[in-house]
C-alpha atoms as a PDB file:
ATOM      1  CA  MET A   1      87.683  90.284  71.376  1.00  0.00           C
ATOM      2  CA  ILE A   2      91.443  90.874  71.498  1.00  0.00           C
ATOM      3  CA  LYS A   3      91.425  89.841  75.157  1.00  0.00           C
ATOM      4  CA  ASN A   4      89.787  86.502  74.257  1.00  0.00           C
ATOM      5  CA  PHE A   5      92.323  85.986  71.455  1.00  0.00           C
ATOM      6  CA  TYR A   6      95.255  86.390  73.867  1.00  0.00           C
ATOM      7  CA  LYS A   7      93.532  84.142  76.402  1.00  0.00           C
ATOM      8  CA  THR A   8      93.091  81.432  73.741  1.00  0.00           C
ATOM      9  CA  ILE A   9      96.734  81.716  72.621  1.00  0.00           C
ATOM     10  CA  CYS A  10      97.906  81.555  76.249  1.00  0.00           C
ATOM     11  CA  CYS A  11      95.833  78.437  76.988  1.00  0.00           C
ATOM     12  CA  LEU A  12      97.056  76.777  73.785  1.00  0.00           C
ATOM     13  CA  ALA A  13     100.689  77.546  74.636  1.00  0.00           C
ATOM     14  CA  VAL A  14     100.188  76.247  78.154  1.00  0.00           C
ATOM     15  CA  SER A  15      98.687  72.982  76.956  1.00  0.00           C
ATOM     16  CA  LEU A  16     101.358  72.461  74.249  1.00  0.00           C
ATOM     17  CA  LEU A  17     104.265  73.204  76.562  1.00  0.00           C
ATOM     18  CA  GLY A  18     102.817  71.375  79.566  1.00  0.00           C
ATOM     19  CA  LEU A  19     102.922  74.437  81.789  1.00  0.00           C
ATOM     20  CA  SER A  20     100.561  75.030  84.686  1.00  0.00           C
ATOM     21  CA  CYS A  21      98.079  77.893  84.848  1.00  0.00           C
ATOM     22  CA  THR A  22      98.078  77.773  88.647  1.00  0.00           C
ATOM     23  CA  PRO A  23      99.526  81.000  90.029  1.00  0.00           C
ATOM     24  CA  ILE A  24     102.557  80.725  92.268  1.00  0.00           C
ATOM     25  CA  VAL A  25     101.740  82.178  95.679  1.00  0.00           C
ATOM     26  CA  THR A  26     104.745  83.539  97.534  1.00  0.00           C
ATOM     27  CA  ASP A  27     102.998  85.625 100.208  1.00  0.00           C
ATOM     28  CA  GLN A  28     101.514  83.352 102.881  1.00  0.00           C
ATOM     29  CA  THR A  29     100.592  86.220 105.207  1.00  0.00           C
ATOM     30  CA  GLU A  30      97.098  85.786 106.626  1.00  0.00           C
ATOM     31  CA  PHE A  31      96.611  89.420 107.516  1.00  0.00           C
ATOM     32  CA  SER A  32      98.491  92.675 107.055  1.00  0.00           C
ATOM     33  CA  LEU A  33      97.617  96.308 107.624  1.00  0.00           C
ATOM     34  CA  HIS A  34      99.093  99.378 105.924  1.00  0.00           C
ATOM     35  CA  TYR A  35      98.686 103.129 106.077  1.00  0.00           C
ATOM     36  CA  PHE A  36     100.087 105.393 103.364  1.00  0.00           C
ATOM     37  CA  ASP A  37     103.286 107.183 104.322  1.00  0.00           C
ATOM     38  CA  VAL A  38     102.678 110.699 105.539  1.00  0.00           C
ATOM     39  CA  GLY A  39     106.166 112.155 105.368  1.00  0.00           C
ATOM     40  CA  ASN A  40     106.611 115.715 106.573  1.00  0.00           C
ATOM     41  CA  MET A  41     103.896 118.024 107.819  1.00  0.00           C
ATOM     42  CA  MET A  42     103.870 121.461 109.342  1.00  0.00           C
ATOM     43  CA  PRO A  43     102.223 122.372 112.647  1.00  0.00           C
ATOM     44  CA  GLY A  44      98.562 123.207 112.052  1.00  0.00           C
ATOM     45  CA  GLU A  45      98.089 120.733 109.195  1.00  0.00           C
ATOM     46  CA  THR A  46      95.569 117.888 109.386  1.00  0.00           C
ATOM     47  CA  ILE A  47      96.034 114.274 108.287  1.00  0.00           C
ATOM     48  CA  ASN A  48      93.251 111.813 107.477  1.00  0.00           C
ATOM     49  CA  LEU A  49      94.184 108.233 106.537  1.00  0.00           C
ATOM     50  CA  ASN A  50      92.194 105.093 105.825  1.00  0.00           C
ATOM     51  CA  PRO A  51      94.048 101.806 106.199  1.00  0.00           C
ATOM     52  CA  SER A  52      94.426  99.194 103.500  1.00  0.00           C
ATOM     53  CA  TYR A  53      94.618  95.561 104.519  1.00  0.00           C
ATOM     54  CA  LYS A  54      95.061  92.026 103.264  1.00  0.00           C
ATOM     55  CA  GLY A  55      92.804  89.369 104.750  1.00  0.00           C
ATOM     56  CA  SER A  56      89.557  89.620 106.702  1.00  0.00           C
ATOM     57  CA  ALA A  57      88.284  93.098 107.519  1.00  0.00           C
ATOM     58  CA  PRO A  58      89.899  94.358 110.732  1.00  0.00           C
ATOM     59  CA  THR A  59      88.052  95.948 113.655  1.00  0.00           C
ATOM     60  CA  ASP A  60      88.723  96.981 117.244  1.00  0.00           C
ATOM     61  CA  PHE A  61      91.523  99.407 116.348  1.00  0.00           C
ATOM     62  CA  SER A  62      93.382 101.174 119.113  1.00  0.00           C
ATOM     63  CA  ILE A  63      96.482 103.302 119.502  1.00  0.00           C
ATOM     64  CA  TYR A  64      98.616 101.788 122.231  1.00  0.00           C
ATOM     65  CA  SER A  65     101.631 104.082 122.048  1.00  0.00           C
ATOM     66  CA  ILE A  66     102.907 107.268 120.457  1.00  0.00           C
ATOM     67  CA  THR A  67     106.548 108.282 120.660  1.00  0.00           C
ATOM     68  CA  HIS A  68     108.153 111.612 119.871  1.00  0.00           C
ATOM     69  CA  ASN A  69     111.826 111.376 118.843  1.00  0.00           C
ATOM     70  CA  GLY A  70     111.993 107.974 120.566  1.00  0.00           C
ATOM     71  CA  ASN A  71     110.495 109.160 123.868  1.00  0.00           C
ATOM     72  CA  ILE A  72     107.020 108.182 125.072  1.00  0.00           C
ATOM     73  CA  PHE A  73     104.537 110.884 124.074  1.00  0.00           C
ATOM     74  CA  TYR A  74     101.325 108.933 124.772  1.00  0.00           C
ATOM     75  CA  ASN A  75     100.614 105.834 126.831  1.00  0.00           C
ATOM     76  CA  PRO A  76      96.900 104.951 127.302  1.00  0.00           C
ATOM     77  CA  LYS A  77      97.547 103.399 130.724  1.00  0.00           C
ATOM     78  CA  LEU A  78      98.831 106.741 131.957  1.00  0.00           C
ATOM     79  CA  ASP A  79      97.128 109.266 129.693  1.00  0.00           C
ATOM     80  CA  GLY A  80      93.622 107.781 129.212  1.00  0.00           C
ATOM     81  CA  GLU A  81      91.684 107.103 126.005  1.00  0.00           C
ATOM     82  CA  LEU A  82      92.043 109.197 122.871  1.00  0.00           C
ATOM     83  CA  THR A  83      88.816 110.718 121.538  1.00  0.00           C
ATOM     84  CA  GLU A  84      87.761 112.252 118.208  1.00  0.00           C
ATOM     85  CA  SER A  85      88.848 115.664 119.491  1.00  0.00           C
ATOM     86  CA  SER A  86      92.339 114.426 120.446  1.00  0.00           C
ATOM     87  CA  THR A  87      95.326 115.388 118.320  1.00  0.00           C
ATOM     88  CA  PHE A  88      95.852 111.696 117.413  1.00  0.00           C
ATOM     89  CA  TYR A  89      92.777 109.519 116.854  1.00  0.00           C
ATOM     90  CA  VAL A  90      91.843 106.164 115.320  1.00  0.00           C
ATOM     91  CA  ASN A  91      88.257 105.029 114.745  1.00  0.00           C
ATOM     92  CA  ARG A  92      87.807 101.726 116.612  1.00  0.00           C
ATOM     93  CA  GLN A  93      85.601 100.175 113.918  1.00  0.00           C
ATOM     94  CA  ASN A  94      87.268 101.021 110.601  1.00  0.00           C
ATOM     95  CA  GLY A  95      90.803 102.203 111.450  1.00  0.00           C
ATOM     96  CA  PHE A  96      90.338 105.727 110.050  1.00  0.00           C
ATOM     97  CA  PHE A  97      93.279 107.699 111.493  1.00  0.00           C
ATOM     98  CA  SER A  98      93.424 111.436 111.916  1.00  0.00           C
ATOM     99  CA  MET A  99      95.812 114.024 113.277  1.00  0.00           C
ATOM    100  CA  GLN A 100      94.304 117.414 113.985  1.00  0.00           C
ATOM    101  CA  ASN A 101      94.885 120.368 116.289  1.00  0.00           C
ATOM    102  CA  THR A 102      98.595 119.971 115.583  1.00  0.00           C
ATOM    103  CA  GLN A 103      99.527 123.651 116.046  1.00  0.00           C
ATOM    104  CA  LYS A 104     101.281 123.026 119.374  1.00  0.00           C
ATOM    105  CA  LEU A 105     103.084 119.788 118.486  1.00  0.00           C
ATOM    106  CA  ALA A 106     106.853 119.995 118.841  1.00  0.00           C
ATOM    107  CA  VAL A 107     109.038 119.527 115.781  1.00  0.00           C
ATOM    108  CA  GLY A 108     110.273 115.950 115.388  1.00  0.00           C
ATOM    109  CA  LYS A 109     109.292 112.403 114.493  1.00  0.00           C
ATOM    110  CA  TYR A 110     106.085 110.895 115.879  1.00  0.00           C
ATOM    111  CA  VAL A 111     105.560 107.140 115.642  1.00  0.00           C
ATOM    112  CA  VAL A 112     102.045 105.771 116.204  1.00  0.00           C
ATOM    113  CA  SER A 113     101.697 102.128 117.296  1.00  0.00           C
ATOM    114  CA  MET A 114      98.353 100.377 116.790  1.00  0.00           C
ATOM    115  CA  LYS A 115      96.520  97.147 117.433  1.00  0.00           C
ATOM    116  CA  CYS A 116      93.540  95.683 115.607  1.00  0.00           C
ATOM    117  CA  THR A 117      91.620  92.415 115.403  1.00  0.00           C
ATOM    118  CA  SER A 118      90.985  90.280 112.319  1.00  0.00           C
ATOM    119  CA  ASP A 119      89.308  86.866 112.369  1.00  0.00           C
ATOM    120  CA  GLY A 120      89.429  86.856 116.161  1.00  0.00           C
ATOM    121  CA  LYS A 121      93.208  87.385 116.278  1.00  0.00           C
ATOM    122  CA  GLU A 122      94.881  90.500 117.611  1.00  0.00           C
ATOM    123  CA  TYR A 123      97.585  92.072 115.458  1.00  0.00           C
ATOM    124  CA  ASP A 124     100.182  94.538 116.701  1.00  0.00           C
ATOM    125  CA  TYR A 125     101.754  97.215 114.470  1.00  0.00           C
ATOM    126  CA  PRO A 126     104.457  99.002 116.489  1.00  0.00           C
ATOM    127  CA  GLU A 127     105.236 101.516 113.705  1.00  0.00           C
ATOM    128  CA  ALA A 128     101.905 101.766 111.897  1.00  0.00           C
ATOM    129  CA  ILE A 129     102.266 105.468 111.112  1.00  0.00           C
ATOM    130  CA  THR A 130     105.280 107.766 111.165  1.00  0.00           C
ATOM    131  CA  VAL A 131     104.919 111.524 110.842  1.00  0.00           C
ATOM    132  CA  LYS A 132     107.656 114.114 110.943  1.00  0.00           C
ATOM    133  CA  ILE A 133     106.604 117.593 112.083  1.00  0.00           C
ATOM    134  CA  VAL A 134     108.768 120.266 110.493  1.00  0.00           C
ATOM    135  CA  LYS A 135     108.682 124.053 110.629  1.00  0.00           C
ATOM    136  CA  GLU A 136     109.314 124.444 106.906  1.00  0.00           C
ATOM    137  CA  ARG A 137     109.182 122.123 103.930  1.00  0.00           C
END
């Protein structure tokens, strides 16, 4: 009831003042993809992340590069495909990302670069996920 009262007052004010109820859209981006920031993790910890996105549901996810402290750590052309048992993995259909079996990862910053498809267009995210492996928090 209170909600309807405020809605009525708003519409009345809009019509009296000649204002428009049309929202102003400032973001014209068709599609964007985001993963929550991970921050620091210790060797042996596991990460599981689902992406959030704006636009049509993305599919056909793939990791195309991983760097460690700026140096190439993983390149699919040289190292082959990542699987569910790999340390770094992304589900091709829904973008679910995981890091597991991290006990032997060296300390430092890992940057995961991904691609996905939305509405028939391929999108490239060169720094989709950044994780810093530390010995202590």
